[in-house]
Amino acid sequence: MKITICGSTAFILEMETVKKQLESFGHQVAMPPVEFTDGDGKKSRTLDYYKFKKTNPFSDPAFLNNHTQRIIDHFKEVEWPEAVLITNYDKDGIKNYIGPNTLMEMGVAFYLKKPIYLLNPIPEIAWKEEILGMKPMVINRDLKLLV
């Protein structure tokens, strides 16, 4: 099966581990890049991008353009697969965190009628109702449930 992994870029290393596990089961897997090239041709690690984003929000037009392109690129990756897997780990004191970008990606998958799998249970978060409305399947870290 073709699967796209979505989640906070804070979880990029965990996503990479999940990707390798899914590929060992024979799945084709897409996920956000661990490294990317910005508009100036400079290579950056996704974790460094995440840290910059947290400390310099909205301060750099080039950064915002890059962020816009990353959102568009990942929407295309949500269009590609047969299903999406949300890697929702604990973050910022929230158990099983699903943030705004991931919620948008889930919305795209839902609109495209793609099955949505959550690695962990639905978080207690302000947009829980929207998550429930998309009827994701919680797999409790059992990747073998992706069929």
Protein backbone atom coordinates (compact mmCIF):
# COMPACT_ATOMS: atom_id res chain seq x y z
CA MET A 1 0.00 0.00 0.00
CA LYS A 2 1.07 3.63 -0.54
CA ILE A 3 1.09 5.55 2.76
CA THR A 4 1.97 9.15 3.58
CA ILE A 5 3.13 9.95 7.09
CA CYS A 6 2.01 13.28 8.56
CA GLY A 7 2.80 14.94 11.86
CA SER A 8 4.62 17.78 13.53
CA THR A 9 8.09 18.39 12.13
CA ALA A 10 9.23 18.03 15.74
CA PHE A 11 8.62 14.30 15.18
CA ILE A 12 10.68 14.01 11.98
CA LEU A 13 13.11 11.43 13.41
CA GLU A 14 10.24 9.33 14.75
CA MET A 15 8.55 9.56 11.34
CA GLU A 16 11.73 8.27 9.72
CA THR A 17 11.72 5.25 12.05
CA VAL A 18 8.04 4.55 11.29
CA LYS A 19 8.76 4.89 7.55
CA LYS A 20 11.47 2.23 7.73
CA GLN A 21 9.14 -0.11 9.64
CA LEU A 22 6.34 0.36 7.11
CA GLU A 23 8.74 -0.22 4.22
CA SER A 24 9.89 -3.46 5.88
CA PHE A 25 6.25 -4.61 5.57
CA GLY A 26 6.35 -3.85 1.83
CA HIS A 27 4.58 -0.47 1.84
CA GLN A 28 5.63 2.53 -0.26
CA VAL A 29 5.95 5.48 2.10
CA ALA A 30 6.19 9.27 1.73
CA MET A 31 6.88 11.70 4.55
CA PRO A 32 8.18 15.25 5.03
CA PRO A 33 11.86 15.50 4.10
CA VAL A 34 14.51 15.06 6.80
CA GLU A 35 16.57 17.60 4.86
CA PHE A 36 15.50 20.20 2.32
CA THR A 37 16.95 22.86 0.04
CA ASP A 38 15.66 26.41 0.43
CA GLY A 39 15.09 28.92 -2.37
CA ASP A 40 18.74 30.01 -2.18
CA GLY A 41 20.01 26.47 -2.70
CA LYS A 42 21.06 26.09 0.93
CA LYS A 43 20.52 22.64 2.48
CA SER A 44 18.95 22.54 5.92
CA ARG A 45 17.84 19.83 8.31
CA THR A 46 14.12 19.78 9.05
CA LEU A 47 14.79 19.83 12.81
CA ASP A 48 16.84 23.02 12.40
CA TYR A 49 13.97 24.51 10.38
CA TYR A 50 11.56 23.57 13.17
CA LYS A 51 13.77 25.24 15.81
CA PHE A 52 14.12 28.38 13.68
CA LYS A 53 10.37 28.51 13.16
CA LYS A 54 9.78 28.38 16.91
CA THR A 55 12.25 31.17 17.71
CA ASN A 56 11.66 33.50 14.72
CA PRO A 57 7.99 33.30 13.79
CA PHE A 58 6.83 35.46 10.90
CA SER A 59 10.07 37.48 10.84
CA ASP A 60 11.49 36.59 7.46
CA PRO A 61 9.58 36.81 4.13
CA ALA A 62 11.89 34.20 2.55
CA PHE A 63 11.15 31.85 5.46
CA LEU A 64 7.40 32.35 5.03
CA ASN A 65 7.66 31.64 1.29
CA ASN A 66 9.56 28.45 2.08
CA HIS A 67 6.94 27.47 4.66
CA THR A 68 4.16 28.08 2.15
CA GLN A 69 5.89 25.81 -0.36
CA ARG A 70 6.41 23.08 2.26
CA ILE A 71 2.67 23.12 3.04
CA ILE A 72 1.81 22.81 -0.66
CA ASP A 73 4.39 20.04 -1.18
CA HIS A 74 3.02 18.00 1.69
CA PHE A 75 -0.58 18.45 0.49
CA LYS A 76 0.58 16.83 -2.76
CA GLU A 77 2.03 13.96 -0.74
CA VAL A 78 -1.37 13.57 0.96
CA GLU A 79 -2.96 13.29 -2.50
CA TRP A 80 -0.57 10.49 -3.61
CA PRO A 81 -1.24 7.56 -1.23
CA GLU A 82 -4.01 5.14 -0.48
CA ALA A 83 -3.94 6.16 3.22
CA VAL A 84 -2.33 8.62 5.62
CA LEU A 85 -0.77 7.87 8.98
CA ILE A 86 -0.67 10.61 11.59
CA THR A 87 2.30 10.34 13.95
CA ASN A 88 0.80 11.97 17.01
CA TYR A 89 3.31 11.83 19.85
CA ASP A 90 3.39 13.94 23.02
CA LYS A 91 4.42 17.56 22.49
CA ASP A 92 4.24 20.81 24.46
CA GLY A 93 2.56 19.05 27.38
CA ILE A 94 -0.19 17.63 25.13
CA LYS A 95 -0.49 13.85 24.97
CA ASN A 96 -0.79 12.56 21.36
CA TYR A 97 -0.45 16.07 19.89
CA ILE A 98 -2.01 16.97 16.54
CA GLY A 99 -1.17 20.53 15.50
CA PRO A 100 -2.67 22.92 12.97
CA ASN A 101 -0.62 21.83 9.94
CA THR A 102 -1.35 18.17 10.62
CA LEU A 103 -5.03 18.98 11.08
CA MET A 104 -4.99 20.68 7.65
CA GLU A 105 -3.33 17.60 6.11
CA MET A 106 -5.96 15.39 7.72
CA GLY A 107 -8.63 17.65 6.22
CA VAL A 108 -7.15 17.21 2.75
CA ALA A 109 -7.02 13.42 3.23
CA PHE A 110 -10.61 13.42 4.51
CA TYR A 111 -11.81 15.47 1.54
CA LEU A 112 -10.03 13.08 -0.83
CA LYS A 113 -11.68 10.13 0.95
CA LYS A 114 -8.37 8.63 2.10
CA PRO A 115 -8.37 6.43 5.21
CA ILE A 116 -6.76 8.29 8.11
CA TYR A 117 -4.85 6.32 10.73
CA LEU A 118 -3.65 7.76 14.04
CA LEU A 119 -0.60 6.17 15.60
CA ASN A 120 -1.88 7.06 19.09
CA PRO A 121 -5.31 7.96 20.53
CA ILE A 122 -7.04 11.25 19.73
CA PRO A 123 -5.67 14.07 21.89
CA GLU A 124 -7.70 16.17 24.29
CA ILE A 125 -7.33 19.33 22.24
CA ALA A 126 -9.57 22.24 21.16
CA TRP A 127 -10.11 20.71 17.69
CA LYS A 128 -10.92 17.19 18.92
CA GLU A 129 -14.43 17.46 17.43
CA GLU A 130 -12.96 18.08 13.96
CA ILE A 131 -10.62 15.12 14.35
CA LEU A 132 -13.51 12.89 15.44
CA GLY A 133 -15.56 14.12 12.47
CA MET A 134 -12.92 12.75 10.08
CA LYS A 135 -13.33 9.29 11.67
CA PRO A 136 -9.67 8.32 11.93
CA MET A 137 -8.74 4.78 12.89
CA VAL A 138 -6.54 4.64 16.01
CA ILE A 139 -3.94 1.87 15.69
CA ASN A 140 -2.20 2.28 19.06
CA ARG A 141 1.28 1.99 17.50
CA ASP A 142 0.47 -1.34 15.83
CA LEU A 143 1.67 -0.66 12.28
CA LYS A 144 0.53 -4.12 11.17
CA LEU A 145 -3.05 -2.79 11.34
CA LEU A 146 -2.40 -0.71 8.21
CA VAL A 147 -4.03 -2.86 5.54
